[in-house]
C-alpha atoms as a PDB file:
ATOM      1  CA  MET A   1     -17.403 -16.871 -21.203  1.00  0.00           C
ATOM      2  CA  ASN A   2     -15.134 -15.788 -18.372  1.00  0.00           C
ATOM      3  CA  LYS A   3     -15.298 -12.301 -17.788  1.00  0.00           C
ATOM      4  CA  ARG A   4     -11.864 -10.320 -17.335  1.00  0.00           C
ATOM      5  CA  ILE A   5     -11.775  -8.121 -14.118  1.00  0.00           C
ATOM      6  CA  ASP A   6      -9.602  -5.228 -14.999  1.00  0.00           C
ATOM      7  CA  THR A   7      -7.206  -4.727 -11.615  1.00  0.00           C
ATOM      8  CA  VAL A   8      -4.489  -1.757 -11.226  1.00  0.00           C
ATOM      9  CA  THR A   9      -1.174  -2.908  -9.554  1.00  0.00           C
ATOM     10  CA  LEU A  10      -0.666  -0.512  -6.338  1.00  0.00           C
ATOM     11  CA  TRP A  11       1.900  -0.529  -3.836  1.00  0.00           C
ATOM     12  CA  ARG A  12       2.286   0.671  -0.187  1.00  0.00           C
ATOM     13  CA  PRO A  13       4.653   1.852   2.131  1.00  0.00           C
ATOM     14  CA  VAL A  14       4.268   0.775   5.866  1.00  0.00           C
ATOM     15  CA  GLY A  15       6.459   0.547   8.864  1.00  0.00           C
ATOM     16  CA  PRO A  16       6.371  -2.304  10.984  1.00  0.00           C
ATOM     17  CA  LYS A  17       3.270  -1.696  13.528  1.00  0.00           C
ATOM     18  CA  GLU A  18       1.170  -1.218  10.414  1.00  0.00           C
ATOM     19  CA  LEU A  19       2.687  -4.258   8.798  1.00  0.00           C
ATOM     20  CA  LYS A  20       2.217  -6.282  11.768  1.00  0.00           C
ATOM     21  CA  LEU A  21      -1.639  -5.216  11.461  1.00  0.00           C
ATOM     22  CA  ILE A  22      -1.494  -6.167   7.575  1.00  0.00           C
ATOM     23  CA  GLU A  23      -0.229 -10.002   8.781  1.00  0.00           C
ATOM     24  CA  LYS A  24      -2.842 -10.582  11.313  1.00  0.00           C
ATOM     25  CA  SER A  25      -5.347 -10.142   8.301  1.00  0.00           C
ATOM     26  CA  GLY A  26      -3.768 -12.602   5.997  1.00  0.00           C
ATOM     27  CA  MET A  27      -2.181 -10.553   4.204  1.00  0.00           C
ATOM     28  CA  ARG A  28      -5.900  -9.482   2.790  1.00  0.00           C
ATOM     29  CA  ALA A  29      -6.355  -6.045   4.362  1.00  0.00           C
ATOM     30  CA  PHE A  30      -5.105  -2.608   5.508  1.00  0.00           C
ATOM     31  CA  PRO A  31      -5.351  -1.854   9.158  1.00  0.00           C
ATOM     32  CA  PRO A  32      -7.597   1.204  10.090  1.00  0.00           C
ATOM     33  CA  ARG A  33      -7.077   4.659  10.079  1.00  0.00           C
ATOM     34  CA  LEU A  34      -5.788   6.363  13.422  1.00  0.00           C
ATOM     35  CA  PRO A  35      -8.116   9.376  14.029  1.00  0.00           C
ATOM     36  CA  GLU A  36      -4.999  11.806  13.022  1.00  0.00           C
ATOM     37  CA  GLN A  37      -5.234   9.807   9.705  1.00  0.00           C
ATOM     38  CA  PRO A  38      -8.046  11.113   7.070  1.00  0.00           C
ATOM     39  CA  ILE A  39      -6.451   9.284   3.994  1.00  0.00           C
ATOM     40  CA  PHE A  40      -4.891   6.573   3.137  1.00  0.00           C
ATOM     41  CA  TYR A  41      -1.817   6.798   0.580  1.00  0.00           C
ATOM     42  CA  PRO A  42      -1.548   3.824  -1.689  1.00  0.00           C
ATOM     43  CA  VAL A  43       0.898   5.179  -4.718  1.00  0.00           C
ATOM     44  CA  LEU A  44       1.431   3.962  -8.132  1.00  0.00           C
ATOM     45  CA  SER A  45       5.070   3.473  -8.005  1.00  0.00           C
ATOM     46  CA  GLU A  46       7.847   0.833  -6.818  1.00  0.00           C
ATOM     47  CA  ALA A  47      10.198   3.302  -6.619  1.00  0.00           C
ATOM     48  CA  TYR A  48       8.132   6.101  -4.943  1.00  0.00           C
ATOM     49  CA  ALA A  49       6.886   3.493  -2.434  1.00  0.00           C
ATOM     50  CA  VAL A  50      10.943   2.283  -2.086  1.00  0.00           C
ATOM     51  CA  GLN A  51      11.866   6.508  -1.583  1.00  0.00           C
ATOM     52  CA  ILE A  52       8.868   6.282   1.588  1.00  0.00           C
ATOM     53  CA  ALA A  53       9.963   3.310   3.449  1.00  0.00           C
ATOM     54  CA  ARG A  54      13.852   3.283   3.045  1.00  0.00           C
ATOM     55  CA  ASP A  55      14.321   7.333   3.764  1.00  0.00           C
ATOM     56  CA  TRP A  56      10.830   8.043   5.883  1.00  0.00           C
ATOM     57  CA  ASN A  57       9.834   4.917   7.296  1.00  0.00           C
ATOM     58  CA  VAL A  58      12.929   3.753   8.383  1.00  0.00           C
ATOM     59  CA  PRO A  59      13.969   7.158  10.266  1.00  0.00           C
ATOM     60  CA  ALA A  60      10.636   7.392  11.994  1.00  0.00           C
ATOM     61  CA  SER A  61      10.438   3.697  13.322  1.00  0.00           C
ATOM     62  CA  GLY A  62      13.804   1.674  12.511  1.00  0.00           C
ATOM     63  CA  SER A  63      12.482   0.015   9.447  1.00  0.00           C
ATOM     64  CA  GLY A  64      10.465  -0.182   6.151  1.00  0.00           C
ATOM     65  CA  PHE A  65       8.470  -2.241   3.927  1.00  0.00           C
ATOM     66  CA  VAL A  66       7.419  -2.354   0.632  1.00  0.00           C
ATOM     67  CA  THR A  67       3.519  -3.874  -0.210  1.00  0.00           C
ATOM     68  CA  ARG A  68       2.521  -4.344  -3.724  1.00  0.00           C
ATOM     69  CA  PHE A  69      -1.047  -5.400  -4.125  1.00  0.00           C
ATOM     70  CA  GLU A  70      -4.020  -5.391  -7.091  1.00  0.00           C
ATOM     71  CA  VAL A  71      -7.156  -3.190  -6.922  1.00  0.00           C
ATOM     72  CA  LEU A  72     -10.436  -3.702  -8.856  1.00  0.00           C
ATOM     73  CA  LYS A  73     -10.199  -0.863 -11.638  1.00  0.00           C
ATOM     74  CA  ASP A  74     -14.026   0.118 -11.529  1.00  0.00           C
ATOM     75  CA  PHE A  75     -13.512   0.858  -7.210  1.00  0.00           C
ATOM     76  CA  LEU A  76     -10.476   3.013  -8.356  1.00  0.00           C
ATOM     77  CA  ASP A  77     -12.592   4.702 -11.306  1.00  0.00           C
ATOM     78  CA  HIS A  78     -14.409   6.774  -8.359  1.00  0.00           C
ATOM     79  CA  TYR A  79     -11.055   8.408  -7.368  1.00  0.00           C
ATOM     80  CA  GLN A  80      -8.342  10.585  -9.114  1.00  0.00           C
ATOM     81  CA  ILE A  81      -4.936  10.615  -9.124  1.00  0.00           C
ATOM     82  CA  GLU A  82      -3.111  13.031  -6.971  1.00  0.00           C
ATOM     83  CA  HIS A  83       0.889  14.466  -7.282  1.00  0.00           C
ATOM     84  CA  ALA A  84       2.384  14.551  -4.224  1.00  0.00           C
ATOM     85  CA  GLY A  85       5.213  17.253  -4.916  1.00  0.00           C
ATOM     86  CA  SER A  86       6.496  16.040  -8.182  1.00  0.00           C
ATOM     87  CA  LYS A  87       5.047  13.765 -11.450  1.00  0.00           C
ATOM     88  CA  ALA A  88       6.683  11.021 -10.395  1.00  0.00           C
ATOM     89  CA  HIS A  89       4.884  10.661  -6.631  1.00  0.00           C
ATOM     90  CA  ARG A  90       1.603   9.939  -7.491  1.00  0.00           C
ATOM     91  CA  GLU A  91      -0.813   8.106  -5.486  1.00  0.00           C
ATOM     92  CA  TYR A  92      -4.578   7.900  -4.562  1.00  0.00           C
ATOM     93  CA  TRP A  93      -6.116   9.596  -1.606  1.00  0.00           C
ATOM     94  CA  ILE A  94      -8.547   7.028  -0.697  1.00  0.00           C
ATOM     95  CA  PRO A  95     -10.598   8.715   2.359  1.00  0.00           C
ATOM     96  CA  ALA A  96     -10.027   7.099   5.371  1.00  0.00           C
ATOM     97  CA  GLU A  97     -14.127   5.992   5.372  1.00  0.00           C
ATOM     98  CA  ASP A  98     -13.441   4.357   2.352  1.00  0.00           C
ATOM     99  CA  LEU A  99     -10.687   1.408   3.584  1.00  0.00           C
ATOM    100  CA  PRO A 100     -13.079  -1.057   3.843  1.00  0.00           C
ATOM    101  CA  GLU A 101     -14.446  -0.939   0.871  1.00  0.00           C
ATOM    102  CA  PHE A 102     -10.785  -0.486  -0.682  1.00  0.00           C
ATOM    103  CA  ASN A 103     -10.142  -3.591   1.349  1.00  0.00           C
ATOM    104  CA  ARG A 104     -12.914  -5.474  -0.312  1.00  0.00           C
ATOM    105  CA  ALA A 105     -11.488  -4.070  -4.622  1.00  0.00           C
ATOM    106  CA  ILE A 106      -7.887  -5.906  -3.101  1.00  0.00           C
ATOM    107  CA  VAL A 107      -7.829  -8.797  -5.377  1.00  0.00           C
ATOM    108  CA  GLY A 108      -5.428 -11.521  -4.230  1.00  0.00           C
ATOM    109  CA  GLY A 109      -3.253 -10.420  -1.332  1.00  0.00           C
ATOM    110  CA  ILE A 110      -0.745  -8.086   0.016  1.00  0.00           C
ATOM    111  CA  LYS A 111       3.184  -8.892  -0.871  1.00  0.00           C
ATOM    112  CA  VAL A 112       5.983  -7.765   1.045  1.00  0.00           C
ATOM    113  CA  THR A 113       8.264  -6.823  -1.860  1.00  0.00           C
ATOM    114  CA  ALA A 114      11.014  -4.487  -0.163  1.00  0.00           C
ATOM    115  CA  ALA A 115      12.350  -4.263   3.163  1.00  0.00           C
ATOM    116  CA  PHE A 116      14.541  -1.790   4.959  1.00  0.00           C
ATOM    117  CA  GLY A 117      16.031  -0.965   8.132  1.00  0.00           C
ATOM    118  CA  LYS A 118      16.586  -3.307  11.265  1.00  0.00           C
ATOM    119  CA  ASP A 119      14.192  -5.921   9.590  1.00  0.00           C
ATOM    120  CA  ALA A 120      15.713  -5.953   6.034  1.00  0.00           C
ATOM    121  CA  ASN A 121      16.146  -9.572   6.569  1.00  0.00           C
ATOM    122  CA  GLN A 122      12.878 -10.325   6.933  1.00  0.00           C
ATOM    123  CA  PRO A 123      11.250 -12.631   3.919  1.00  0.00           C
ATOM    124  CA  THR A 124       9.878 -10.892   1.155  1.00  0.00           C
ATOM    125  CA  VAL A 125       7.686 -12.841  -1.876  1.00  0.00           C
ATOM    126  CA  GLU A 126       9.359 -12.465  -5.148  1.00  0.00           C
ATOM    127  CA  GLU A 127       7.504 -11.788  -8.482  1.00  0.00           C
END
């Protein structure tokens, strides 16, 4: 009998530096947080990720990208969904020290689904 693996689809807006580090992992993991980044923030909607990538990452670094990935639900059950402002802005707050375990809970790869700014013509993965 096959056991079904429950996953949750999440998105993460990233800038070009973070995307290069994700690519270096073979599109399998997010890079460690910097000392001034104690929390990793994956978001629960593509629209919210697009808003951040377009409106924050592009002005900050010239380009913004939206990534999509699946995470084991059992792992995420240990964390609350947080609201960052409006109810449409829902995200998980994963402590930086938990990021290696988070990365191990990713099922499949990390896909780039949208690109904005000067590198907007970078290939993205279609559904």
